[in-house]
Amino acid sequence: MKALVALILLVQLPVHKAIPAAPPAPLGCDDPESEAAAEVAVSYINAHSHHGYKFVLNRIENIRVLPQGLNNDIIFLELDLLETACHILSPTPLPNCTVRSFTEHAVEGDCDVKLQKLDGKLSVLASKCHSHADLCAACSVRDVLSTTFKTDSREDVLQLCPDCPLLASLNNTEVLTTVTAALSDHNSKTTDAYLRLLEIGRAKIQYHPAHTVSVEFAVAATNCSAKEAKDNVEACQLLPDDQSNFGFCTATMVTRPSQDLRVDCQLYGHQPGVTYSQAGQDTSAGLVPSVVQGFTNHNLRLSHNNPFASESSSSEFPSSVLSAKSVAKRAAAKVAQHDKVPRPVGFAPLLPPPCPGKIRHFKI
């Protein structure tokens, strides 16, 4: 009988269902985990680019995490990058590279990167970056719409700095003349290896108070000394990969009111594993010829998929992720507008959205 009473009382007790654990809070763009993923992504982008300059992180625009299982997440990042003064072949560590200032026509880029975090280790599955200079004199509407790297507009720079030189097309006649004269001048004076041009990186022309052309270009040592090249320059070939020696030159030519040429070339020394992709060779970062027709900066067309990515971690970018930047910007603008509305004393303002993140350098 006692057992029956106990059973009846037990049945009548209220049933308490287990409360499911709350899902983890979404990552903010400035969270340490987001910044760690961005660091891996930027390093990957620079490692897979073989032309132009290194880029640094300016802001994390958006992050989305899709759990795949125990200790297995897929992370989608949308990043704003800024161009530095370090050529992609330079051994200078990225933290030591100077970011191009606004008055130097800073180049900004938007990159979509897909990563996997498996057992705490981050790896890039896919990335999509495009570059374009909006000062291009030979651009079509399609060019402008299909790329997302951009430079400051000519008007913006002149408004801030009326006397600053402006970017010139890499195939500008004055630019090509200056590069040719600078390299010839260096080779005629050096006692070291004869240098050949790899690519023109940047060029600027200033018209007042003096007519000045400033250029930056990448070079490589050949198997000839400069003296040997005078006798038979056609025999001078670039050194093989296991002996390669890349470098970088800057030059300024003044043509009016007086003439002057100043050249500075520095070789980096051999860097094991560092190669340069000549035009005609396929690379995962896309091909960019030594002289780019009509453009003022190298077009970073980086699109790379990891061939070993599993089906569950497909390298495809969902459309919701690709369009996240505009959504995030609208959200930020809405919050900013909300804060402008007069509020009663003691009113607690809305917390800023977790994305986009902070600007590390400056906004273009």
Protein backbone atom coordinates (compact mmCIF):
# COMPACT_ATOMS: atom_id res chain seq x y z
CA MET A 1 0.00 0.00 0.00
CA LYS A 2 2.78 2.43 0.96
CA ALA A 3 4.47 1.74 -2.34
CA LEU A 4 1.23 2.47 -4.23
CA VAL A 5 0.75 5.79 -2.41
CA ALA A 6 4.32 6.76 -3.12
CA LEU A 7 3.83 5.96 -6.83
CA ILE A 8 0.64 8.05 -7.01
CA LEU A 9 2.38 11.01 -5.35
CA LEU A 10 5.32 10.69 -7.74
CA VAL A 11 3.02 10.73 -10.76
CA GLN A 12 1.30 13.87 -9.50
CA LEU A 13 4.60 15.80 -9.18
CA PRO A 14 5.00 18.50 -11.86
CA VAL A 15 7.15 17.46 -14.74
CA HIS A 16 10.11 19.84 -15.28
CA LYS A 17 11.45 19.70 -18.80
CA ALA A 18 15.13 20.38 -19.33
CA ILE A 19 15.68 23.93 -20.58
CA PRO A 20 17.78 23.89 -23.72
CA ALA A 21 21.06 25.76 -23.50
CA ALA A 22 20.97 29.20 -25.05
CA PRO A 23 22.85 29.46 -28.34
CA PRO A 24 26.19 31.26 -28.08
CA ALA A 25 26.11 34.98 -28.71
CA PRO A 26 27.10 35.91 -32.28
CA LEU A 27 30.68 36.97 -32.73
CA GLY A 28 31.32 40.69 -32.93
CA CYS A 29 33.64 42.04 -35.59
CA ASP A 30 36.12 43.23 -32.96
CA ASP A 31 36.11 40.06 -30.88
CA PRO A 32 39.53 38.38 -30.47
CA GLU A 33 38.31 35.28 -32.34
CA SER A 34 37.18 37.43 -35.29
CA GLU A 35 40.49 39.28 -35.37
CA ALA A 36 42.41 36.01 -35.29
CA ALA A 37 40.43 34.75 -38.29
CA ALA A 38 41.01 38.04 -40.13
CA GLU A 39 44.75 37.82 -39.51
CA VAL A 40 44.85 34.36 -41.08
CA ALA A 41 42.75 35.59 -44.02
CA VAL A 42 44.95 38.64 -44.75
CA SER A 43 48.10 36.52 -44.55
CA TYR A 44 46.54 34.09 -47.02
CA ILE A 45 45.54 36.86 -49.44
CA ASN A 46 49.03 38.34 -49.49
CA ALA A 47 50.63 34.90 -49.87
CA HIS A 48 48.49 34.16 -52.94
CA SER A 49 49.04 37.49 -54.63
CA HIS A 50 52.06 37.68 -56.93
CA HIS A 51 51.82 41.25 -58.19
CA GLY A 52 51.49 44.70 -56.72
CA TYR A 53 51.65 45.42 -53.02
CA LYS A 54 50.82 43.84 -49.68
CA PHE A 55 47.53 44.74 -48.01
CA VAL A 56 46.67 45.18 -44.33
CA LEU A 57 43.39 44.91 -42.47
CA ASN A 58 41.50 48.16 -42.07
CA ARG A 59 38.17 46.86 -40.78
CA ILE A 60 36.17 43.67 -40.37
CA GLU A 61 32.89 44.46 -42.07
CA ASN A 62 31.02 41.30 -41.17
CA ILE A 63 31.46 37.81 -39.75
CA ARG A 64 29.15 34.80 -39.84
CA VAL A 65 29.81 31.46 -38.12
CA LEU A 66 28.08 28.23 -39.20
CA PRO A 67 28.62 25.33 -36.75
CA GLN A 68 29.30 22.04 -38.54
CA GLY A 69 29.75 19.76 -35.57
CA LEU A 70 31.92 19.32 -32.52
CA ASN A 71 34.89 21.73 -32.70
CA ASN A 72 34.15 22.37 -36.38
CA ASP A 73 32.93 25.78 -37.61
CA ILE A 74 32.76 27.45 -41.01
CA ILE A 75 33.50 31.17 -40.82
CA PHE A 76 32.59 33.76 -43.45
CA LEU A 77 34.48 37.05 -43.26
CA GLU A 78 34.04 40.28 -45.16
CA LEU A 79 37.11 42.48 -44.88
CA ASP A 80 38.17 46.01 -45.79
CA LEU A 81 41.87 46.16 -46.67
CA LEU A 82 44.33 48.97 -47.40
CA GLU A 83 47.38 48.90 -49.63
CA THR A 84 50.84 49.29 -48.09
CA ALA A 85 54.11 50.54 -49.56
CA CYS A 86 55.63 47.03 -49.35
CA HIS A 87 55.81 45.22 -52.65
CA ILE A 88 54.50 41.66 -52.60
CA LEU A 89 58.09 40.41 -53.11
CA SER A 90 59.44 42.39 -50.15
CA PRO A 91 60.62 40.38 -47.12
CA THR A 92 59.44 43.16 -44.79
CA PRO A 93 56.97 41.73 -42.23
CA LEU A 94 53.46 43.05 -42.74
CA PRO A 95 53.28 44.85 -39.35
CA ASN A 96 56.31 46.91 -40.43
CA CYS A 97 54.79 47.96 -43.76
CA THR A 98 53.60 51.56 -44.10
CA VAL A 99 49.98 52.04 -45.15
CA ARG A 100 49.49 54.39 -48.10
CA SER A 101 48.14 57.69 -46.86
CA PHE A 102 45.00 59.33 -48.17
CA THR A 103 47.00 61.92 -50.13
CA GLU A 104 48.95 59.11 -51.79
CA HIS A 105 45.73 57.77 -53.31
CA ALA A 106 45.19 55.01 -50.79
CA VAL A 107 43.81 51.81 -52.33
CA GLU A 108 40.98 50.09 -50.48
CA GLY A 109 39.73 46.59 -51.08
CA ASP A 110 36.81 44.37 -50.13
CA CYS A 111 37.49 40.66 -49.72
CA ASP A 112 35.19 37.74 -48.94
CA VAL A 113 36.99 34.89 -47.21
CA LYS A 114 35.70 31.52 -46.10
CA LEU A 115 37.59 29.71 -43.34
CA GLN A 116 37.25 26.52 -41.36
CA LYS A 117 38.06 26.29 -37.67
CA LEU A 118 38.66 22.63 -36.91
CA ASP A 119 39.86 21.63 -33.44
CA GLY A 120 40.94 25.22 -32.85
CA LYS A 121 43.01 25.50 -36.05
CA LEU A 122 42.04 28.05 -38.72
CA SER A 123 42.49 27.40 -42.44
CA VAL A 124 41.24 29.25 -45.51
CA LEU A 125 38.88 27.36 -47.80
CA ALA A 126 38.19 30.08 -50.35
CA SER A 127 38.67 33.78 -51.01
CA LYS A 128 37.39 36.35 -53.46
CA CYS A 129 39.10 39.71 -53.94
CA HIS A 130 38.91 42.18 -56.79
CA SER A 131 40.85 45.35 -57.39
CA HIS A 132 40.28 48.42 -59.51
CA ALA A 133 41.45 52.02 -59.64
CA ASP A 134 38.65 54.47 -60.35
CA LEU A 135 41.12 56.88 -61.94
CA CYS A 136 41.46 54.60 -64.92
CA ALA A 137 41.17 56.44 -68.19
CA ALA A 138 40.15 53.39 -70.20
CA CYS A 139 37.55 51.77 -67.95
CA SER A 140 34.19 50.51 -69.10
CA VAL A 141 31.08 50.51 -66.93
CA ARG A 142 31.46 46.75 -66.62
CA ASP A 143 35.02 47.21 -65.26
CA VAL A 144 33.76 49.55 -62.57
CA LEU A 145 30.87 47.33 -61.50
CA SER A 146 32.77 44.03 -61.46
CA THR A 147 35.53 45.08 -59.08
CA THR A 148 35.64 46.24 -55.49
CA PHE A 149 39.14 47.57 -54.93
CA LYS A 150 39.26 51.32 -55.38
CA THR A 151 41.46 54.37 -54.94
CA ASP A 152 40.57 57.77 -53.63
CA SER A 153 39.01 59.95 -56.30
CA ARG A 154 41.10 62.66 -57.92
CA GLU A 155 38.73 65.33 -56.60
CA ASP A 156 38.97 64.08 -53.00
CA VAL A 157 42.77 64.18 -53.02
CA LEU A 158 42.98 67.60 -54.67
CA GLN A 159 40.49 69.02 -52.20
CA LEU A 160 42.64 67.91 -49.29
CA CYS A 161 46.02 68.53 -50.94
CA PRO A 162 45.89 70.74 -54.07
CA ASP A 163 49.62 70.36 -54.77
CA CYS A 164 49.83 66.60 -54.32
CA PRO A 165 50.82 64.51 -57.36
CA LEU A 166 48.12 62.29 -58.86
CA LEU A 167 48.27 58.65 -59.87
CA ALA A 168 49.10 58.06 -63.51
CA SER A 169 48.26 55.07 -65.70
CA LEU A 170 50.98 52.43 -65.62
CA ASN A 171 51.29 52.55 -69.40
CA ASN A 172 51.52 56.35 -69.55
CA THR A 173 54.27 57.41 -71.99
CA GLU A 174 56.01 59.60 -69.41
CA VAL A 175 55.87 56.77 -66.88
CA LEU A 176 57.43 54.26 -69.27
CA THR A 177 60.11 56.77 -70.26
CA THR A 178 60.98 57.43 -66.62
CA VAL A 179 61.21 53.72 -65.74
CA THR A 180 63.41 53.01 -68.76
CA ALA A 181 65.72 55.95 -67.99
CA ALA A 182 65.91 55.04 -64.29
CA LEU A 183 66.80 51.39 -64.89
CA SER A 184 69.37 52.32 -67.53
CA ASP A 185 70.89 54.86 -65.18
CA HIS A 186 71.19 52.31 -62.38
CA ASN A 187 72.66 49.59 -64.62
CA SER A 188 75.19 52.03 -66.09
CA LYS A 189 76.56 52.91 -62.66
CA THR A 190 76.39 49.69 -60.65
CA THR A 191 79.20 47.15 -60.37
CA ASP A 192 76.77 44.47 -59.27
CA ALA A 193 74.29 42.34 -61.21
CA TYR A 194 72.46 43.68 -64.24
CA LEU A 195 68.82 44.24 -63.34
CA ARG A 196 65.73 43.57 -65.42
CA LEU A 197 62.26 45.05 -64.98
CA LEU A 198 59.57 42.77 -63.57
CA GLU A 199 56.64 45.17 -63.23
CA ILE A 200 55.76 48.80 -62.66
CA GLY A 201 53.99 49.13 -59.33
CA ARG A 202 52.94 52.78 -59.10
CA ALA A 203 53.40 56.09 -60.86
CA LYS A 204 52.51 59.68 -60.06
CA ILE A 205 52.81 62.86 -62.09
CA GLN A 206 53.00 66.34 -60.64
CA TYR A 207 52.69 69.39 -62.89
CA HIS A 208 53.31 72.27 -60.49
CA PRO A 209 55.58 73.84 -59.36
CA ALA A 210 57.80 71.47 -61.37
CA HIS A 211 56.92 68.77 -63.89
CA THR A 212 57.83 65.60 -61.98
CA VAL A 213 57.24 61.91 -62.65
CA SER A 214 57.69 59.49 -59.74
CA VAL A 215 57.69 55.74 -60.29
CA GLU A 216 58.02 52.51 -58.31
CA PHE A 217 58.95 49.24 -59.98
CA ALA A 218 60.05 45.71 -59.12
CA VAL A 219 63.27 44.29 -60.55
CA ALA A 220 65.27 41.05 -60.53
CA ALA A 221 68.96 40.27 -60.84
CA THR A 222 70.23 38.44 -63.91
CA ASN A 223 73.14 36.06 -64.41
CA CYS A 224 75.21 38.93 -65.86
CA SER A 225 77.15 41.71 -64.24
CA ALA A 226 76.31 45.18 -65.48
CA LYS A 227 79.67 45.22 -67.29
CA GLU A 228 78.98 41.90 -69.05
CA ALA A 229 75.56 43.17 -70.12
CA LYS A 230 77.17 45.99 -72.09
CA ASP A 231 78.75 43.41 -74.43
CA ASN A 232 75.77 41.09 -74.87
CA VAL A 233 72.61 42.10 -72.99
CA GLU A 234 70.52 39.46 -74.80
CA ALA A 235 72.45 36.73 -73.00
CA CYS A 236 71.42 38.05 -69.59
CA GLN A 237 68.66 35.92 -68.12
CA LEU A 238 66.85 36.02 -64.80
CA LEU A 239 68.37 33.80 -62.14
CA PRO A 240 66.66 30.43 -61.53
CA ASP A 241 64.24 30.10 -58.61
CA ASP A 242 66.83 28.56 -56.29
CA GLN A 243 69.07 31.61 -56.80
CA SER A 244 66.53 34.38 -57.48
CA ASN A 245 67.23 37.85 -56.16
CA PHE A 246 64.34 40.31 -56.38
CA GLY A 247 64.41 44.00 -55.61
CA PHE A 248 62.58 47.28 -55.77
CA CYS A 249 63.38 50.66 -57.27
CA THR A 250 62.02 54.16 -56.81
CA ALA A 251 62.83 56.99 -59.20
CA THR A 252 61.91 60.61 -59.75
CA MET A 253 62.45 62.47 -63.00
CA VAL A 254 62.10 66.25 -63.24
CA THR A 255 61.74 67.60 -66.77
CA ARG A 256 60.76 71.22 -66.14
CA PRO A 257 61.95 73.83 -65.32
CA SER A 258 65.25 71.90 -65.10
CA GLN A 259 66.14 68.26 -65.69
CA ASP A 260 67.06 65.82 -62.96
CA LEU A 261 66.89 62.05 -62.37
CA ARG A 262 67.20 60.32 -59.02
CA VAL A 263 67.15 56.54 -58.71
CA ASP A 264 67.34 54.19 -55.74
CA CYS A 265 67.36 50.41 -56.22
CA GLN A 266 67.62 47.83 -53.45
CA LEU A 267 67.92 44.05 -53.84
CA TYR A 268 66.29 41.90 -51.18
CA GLY A 269 68.67 38.96 -51.44
CA HIS A 270 67.61 35.39 -52.13
CA GLN A 271 64.38 34.37 -50.39
CA PRO A 272 63.76 30.59 -50.46
CA GLY A 273 60.28 29.80 -51.71
CA VAL A 274 59.58 33.31 -53.07
CA THR A 275 58.91 33.31 -56.82
CA TYR A 276 57.58 35.77 -59.37
CA SER A 277 54.98 34.74 -61.94
CA GLN A 278 55.84 36.01 -65.38
CA ALA A 279 53.09 36.99 -67.79
CA GLY A 280 51.74 33.90 -69.50
CA GLN A 281 52.03 31.74 -66.41
CA ASP A 282 48.84 30.90 -64.56
CA THR A 283 48.60 31.76 -60.87
CA SER A 284 45.83 31.44 -58.31
CA ALA A 285 45.93 35.21 -57.89
CA GLY A 286 45.28 35.91 -61.57
CA LEU A 287 47.60 37.30 -64.21
CA VAL A 288 48.74 40.87 -64.24
CA PRO A 289 51.16 41.97 -66.99
CA SER A 290 54.22 44.09 -66.21
CA VAL A 291 52.47 47.12 -67.67
CA VAL A 292 48.71 47.18 -67.13
CA GLN A 293 46.78 48.89 -69.89
CA GLY A 294 45.02 52.01 -68.62
CA PHE A 295 45.14 51.19 -64.92
CA THR A 296 46.74 53.14 -62.10
CA ASN A 297 47.25 50.17 -59.75
CA HIS A 298 47.64 46.40 -60.05
CA ASN A 299 44.36 44.54 -60.24
CA LEU A 300 44.28 42.02 -57.40
CA ARG A 301 41.93 39.45 -58.90
CA LEU A 302 42.34 36.85 -56.21
CA SER A 303 39.88 34.00 -56.36
CA HIS A 304 41.02 30.75 -54.84
CA ASN A 305 39.29 27.59 -53.73
CA ASN A 306 40.85 24.88 -51.62
CA PRO A 307 40.71 21.72 -53.77
CA PHE A 308 40.73 19.60 -50.61
CA ALA A 309 37.61 21.23 -49.11
CA SER A 310 34.95 18.67 -48.28
CA GLU A 311 31.39 18.89 -49.57
CA SER A 312 30.17 19.89 -46.10
CA SER A 313 32.60 22.79 -46.14
CA SER A 314 32.02 23.80 -49.74
CA SER A 315 33.99 26.81 -50.92
CA GLU A 316 30.89 28.50 -52.33
CA PHE A 317 29.91 31.85 -50.79
CA PRO A 318 26.20 32.15 -49.98
CA SER A 319 24.57 35.24 -51.45
CA SER A 320 23.57 36.36 -47.96
CA VAL A 321 27.24 36.59 -47.03
CA LEU A 322 28.28 38.37 -50.22
CA SER A 323 25.66 41.05 -49.67
CA ALA A 324 26.30 41.39 -45.94
CA LYS A 325 28.41 44.52 -46.27
CA SER A 326 25.58 46.71 -47.52
CA VAL A 327 23.26 45.32 -44.82
CA ALA A 328 25.83 46.00 -42.11
CA LYS A 329 26.39 49.53 -43.35
CA ARG A 330 22.64 50.20 -43.37
CA ALA A 331 22.40 48.89 -39.80
CA ALA A 332 25.26 51.11 -38.67
CA ALA A 333 23.70 54.11 -40.38
CA LYS A 334 20.34 53.39 -38.69
CA VAL A 335 21.97 53.30 -35.26
CA ALA A 336 23.85 56.52 -35.99
CA GLN A 337 20.61 58.18 -37.06
CA HIS A 338 18.86 56.85 -33.95
CA ASP A 339 21.49 58.45 -31.73
CA LYS A 340 20.82 61.88 -33.28
CA VAL A 341 17.19 61.90 -32.12
CA PRO A 342 16.68 63.96 -28.89
CA ARG A 343 16.07 61.66 -25.94
CA PRO A 344 14.83 62.28 -22.37
CA VAL A 345 17.38 62.68 -19.61
CA GLY A 346 18.56 59.29 -18.39
CA PHE A 347 17.68 57.54 -21.65
CA ALA A 348 20.06 54.66 -22.35
CA PRO A 349 21.24 54.76 -26.00
CA LEU A 350 21.22 51.65 -28.14
CA LEU A 351 24.38 49.59 -28.02
CA PRO A 352 26.40 49.74 -31.24
CA PRO A 353 25.92 46.74 -33.52
CA PRO A 354 28.58 43.99 -33.30
CA CYS A 355 29.48 44.70 -36.93
CA PRO A 356 31.05 46.43 -38.75
CA GLY A 357 34.13 46.67 -36.56
CA LYS A 358 36.49 49.50 -35.76
CA ILE A 359 38.52 51.30 -38.41
CA ARG A 360 42.20 50.66 -37.80
CA HIS A 361 43.67 53.26 -40.11
CA PHE A 362 41.25 55.60 -41.89
CA LYS A 363 38.08 55.49 -43.93
CA ILE A 364 38.16 56.17 -47.65
